[in-house]
Amino acid sequence: MSKVELSLPDRIDNDIRRLVDQGEFVNRDQAVEELLSMGMSAYNTTSTDDSQGPEENLFSQAVEDQQDPAARSDTGDDYSF
């Protein structure tokens, strides 16, 4: 794990201290690590082969999985018109 030294504005430092005091995080290191991770994930820094984001991919996959009952090719039923 790499170490990083940074300077924070007093407002941010106070917010982190308040979150730790409220029990949202075990300690300051955990708070900084998790808050940075959440910020990085908001920018979607992971590289994927898809040009779409995960929300669009899930939606399009659900649509692709649907089948039109009129287009079914199974001929297992005895009814015909």
C-alpha atoms as a PDB file:
ATOM      1  CA  MET A   1       0.000   0.000   0.000  1.00  0.00           C
ATOM      2  CA  SER A   2       1.409   3.366  -0.924  1.00  0.00           C
ATOM      3  CA  LYS A   3       1.541   6.262   1.487  1.00  0.00           C
ATOM      4  CA  VAL A   4       0.306   9.707   0.560  1.00  0.00           C
ATOM      5  CA  GLU A   5       0.766  12.980   2.370  1.00  0.00           C
ATOM      6  CA  LEU A   6      -1.808  15.652   1.678  1.00  0.00           C
ATOM      7  CA  SER A   7      -3.008  18.978   2.985  1.00  0.00           C
ATOM      8  CA  LEU A   8      -6.721  19.420   3.504  1.00  0.00           C
ATOM      9  CA  PRO A   9      -8.730  22.565   3.981  1.00  0.00           C
ATOM     10  CA  ASP A  10      -9.936  22.990   7.553  1.00  0.00           C
ATOM     11  CA  ARG A  11     -13.529  22.440   6.459  1.00  0.00           C
ATOM     12  CA  ILE A  12     -12.755  18.990   5.009  1.00  0.00           C
ATOM     13  CA  ASP A  13     -10.600  18.056   7.988  1.00  0.00           C
ATOM     14  CA  ASN A  14     -13.425  19.003  10.358  1.00  0.00           C
ATOM     15  CA  ASP A  15     -15.940  17.001   8.304  1.00  0.00           C
ATOM     16  CA  ILE A  16     -13.725  13.899   8.460  1.00  0.00           C
ATOM     17  CA  ARG A  17     -13.169  14.348  12.194  1.00  0.00           C
ATOM     18  CA  ARG A  18     -16.935  14.718  12.711  1.00  0.00           C
ATOM     19  CA  LEU A  19     -17.653  11.505  10.737  1.00  0.00           C
ATOM     20  CA  VAL A  20     -15.126   9.578  12.831  1.00  0.00           C
ATOM     21  CA  ASP A  21     -16.550  11.027  16.069  1.00  0.00           C
ATOM     22  CA  GLN A  22     -20.068  10.015  14.980  1.00  0.00           C
ATOM     23  CA  GLY A  23     -18.895   6.445  14.456  1.00  0.00           C
ATOM     24  CA  GLU A  24     -19.224   6.424  10.678  1.00  0.00           C
ATOM     25  CA  PHE A  25     -15.595   5.270  10.474  1.00  0.00           C
ATOM     26  CA  VAL A  26     -13.332   3.450  12.924  1.00  0.00           C
ATOM     27  CA  ASN A  27     -10.513   5.968  12.569  1.00  0.00           C
ATOM     28  CA  ARG A  28      -9.220   8.796  10.403  1.00  0.00           C
ATOM     29  CA  ASP A  29      -7.180   6.516   8.124  1.00  0.00           C
ATOM     30  CA  GLN A  30     -10.214   4.373   7.318  1.00  0.00           C
ATOM     31  CA  ALA A  31     -12.308   7.485   6.702  1.00  0.00           C
ATOM     32  CA  VAL A  32      -9.803   8.996   4.283  1.00  0.00           C
ATOM     33  CA  GLU A  33      -9.296   5.679   2.451  1.00  0.00           C
ATOM     34  CA  GLU A  34     -13.018   4.991   2.032  1.00  0.00           C
ATOM     35  CA  LEU A  35     -13.878   8.556   1.068  1.00  0.00           C
ATOM     36  CA  LEU A  36     -11.124   8.606  -1.551  1.00  0.00           C
ATOM     37  CA  SER A  37     -12.280   5.233  -2.892  1.00  0.00           C
ATOM     38  CA  MET A  38     -15.856   6.489  -3.171  1.00  0.00           C
ATOM     39  CA  GLY A  39     -14.647   9.604  -4.966  1.00  0.00           C
ATOM     40  CA  MET A  40     -12.574   7.559  -7.410  1.00  0.00           C
ATOM     41  CA  SER A  41     -15.466   5.215  -8.163  1.00  0.00           C
ATOM     42  CA  ALA A  42     -17.641   8.247  -8.924  1.00  0.00           C
ATOM     43  CA  TYR A  43     -15.244   9.035 -11.758  1.00  0.00           C
ATOM     44  CA  ASN A  44     -15.460   5.429 -13.011  1.00  0.00           C
ATOM     45  CA  THR A  45     -11.694   5.013 -13.223  1.00  0.00           C
ATOM     46  CA  THR A  46     -11.844   1.286 -13.951  1.00  0.00           C
ATOM     47  CA  SER A  47     -11.254   0.452 -17.583  1.00  0.00           C
ATOM     48  CA  THR A  48     -13.831  -1.733 -19.288  1.00  0.00           C
ATOM     49  CA  ASP A  49     -14.207  -3.051 -22.787  1.00  0.00           C
ATOM     50  CA  ASP A  50     -17.752  -1.697 -22.961  1.00  0.00           C
ATOM     51  CA  SER A  51     -18.275   1.872 -24.041  1.00  0.00           C
ATOM     52  CA  GLN A  52     -21.467   1.941 -21.992  1.00  0.00           C
ATOM     53  CA  GLY A  53     -21.652   2.404 -18.251  1.00  0.00           C
ATOM     54  CA  PRO A  54     -22.920  -0.414 -16.047  1.00  0.00           C
ATOM     55  CA  GLU A  55     -26.449   0.994 -15.869  1.00  0.00           C
ATOM     56  CA  GLU A  56     -26.888   1.065 -19.633  1.00  0.00           C
ATOM     57  CA  ASN A  57     -25.322  -2.367 -19.984  1.00  0.00           C
ATOM     58  CA  LEU A  58     -27.718  -3.897 -17.432  1.00  0.00           C
ATOM     59  CA  PHE A  59     -30.707  -2.307 -19.124  1.00  0.00           C
ATOM     60  CA  SER A  60     -29.720  -3.352 -22.622  1.00  0.00           C
ATOM     61  CA  GLN A  61     -28.993  -6.901 -21.459  1.00  0.00           C
ATOM     62  CA  ALA A  62     -32.454  -7.160 -19.872  1.00  0.00           C
ATOM     63  CA  VAL A  63     -34.062  -5.955 -23.095  1.00  0.00           C
ATOM     64  CA  GLU A  64     -31.982  -8.380 -25.170  1.00  0.00           C
ATOM     65  CA  ASP A  65     -33.032 -11.277 -22.916  1.00  0.00           C
ATOM     66  CA  GLN A  66     -36.723 -10.640 -23.532  1.00  0.00           C
ATOM     67  CA  GLN A  67     -38.464 -12.655 -26.216  1.00  0.00           C
ATOM     68  CA  ASP A  68     -41.517 -11.820 -28.265  1.00  0.00           C
ATOM     69  CA  PRO A  69     -44.070 -14.627 -27.729  1.00  0.00           C
ATOM     70  CA  ALA A  70     -45.239 -14.269 -31.344  1.00  0.00           C
ATOM     71  CA  ALA A  71     -41.706 -14.848 -32.619  1.00  0.00           C
ATOM     72  CA  ARG A  72     -41.170 -18.112 -30.734  1.00  0.00           C
ATOM     73  CA  SER A  73     -40.106 -20.961 -32.957  1.00  0.00           C
ATOM     74  CA  ASP A  74     -41.086 -23.872 -30.725  1.00  0.00           C
ATOM     75  CA  THR A  75     -43.761 -26.043 -32.294  1.00  0.00           C
ATOM     76  CA  GLY A  76     -44.432 -28.155 -29.225  1.00  0.00           C
ATOM     77  CA  ASP A  77     -48.069 -27.133 -28.724  1.00  0.00           C
ATOM     78  CA  ASP A  78     -50.936 -28.913 -30.429  1.00  0.00           C
ATOM     79  CA  TYR A  79     -52.862 -25.767 -31.217  1.00  0.00           C
ATOM     80  CA  SER A  80     -52.687 -24.218 -34.670  1.00  0.00           C
ATOM     81  CA  PHE A  81     -54.737 -21.752 -36.645  1.00  0.00           C
END
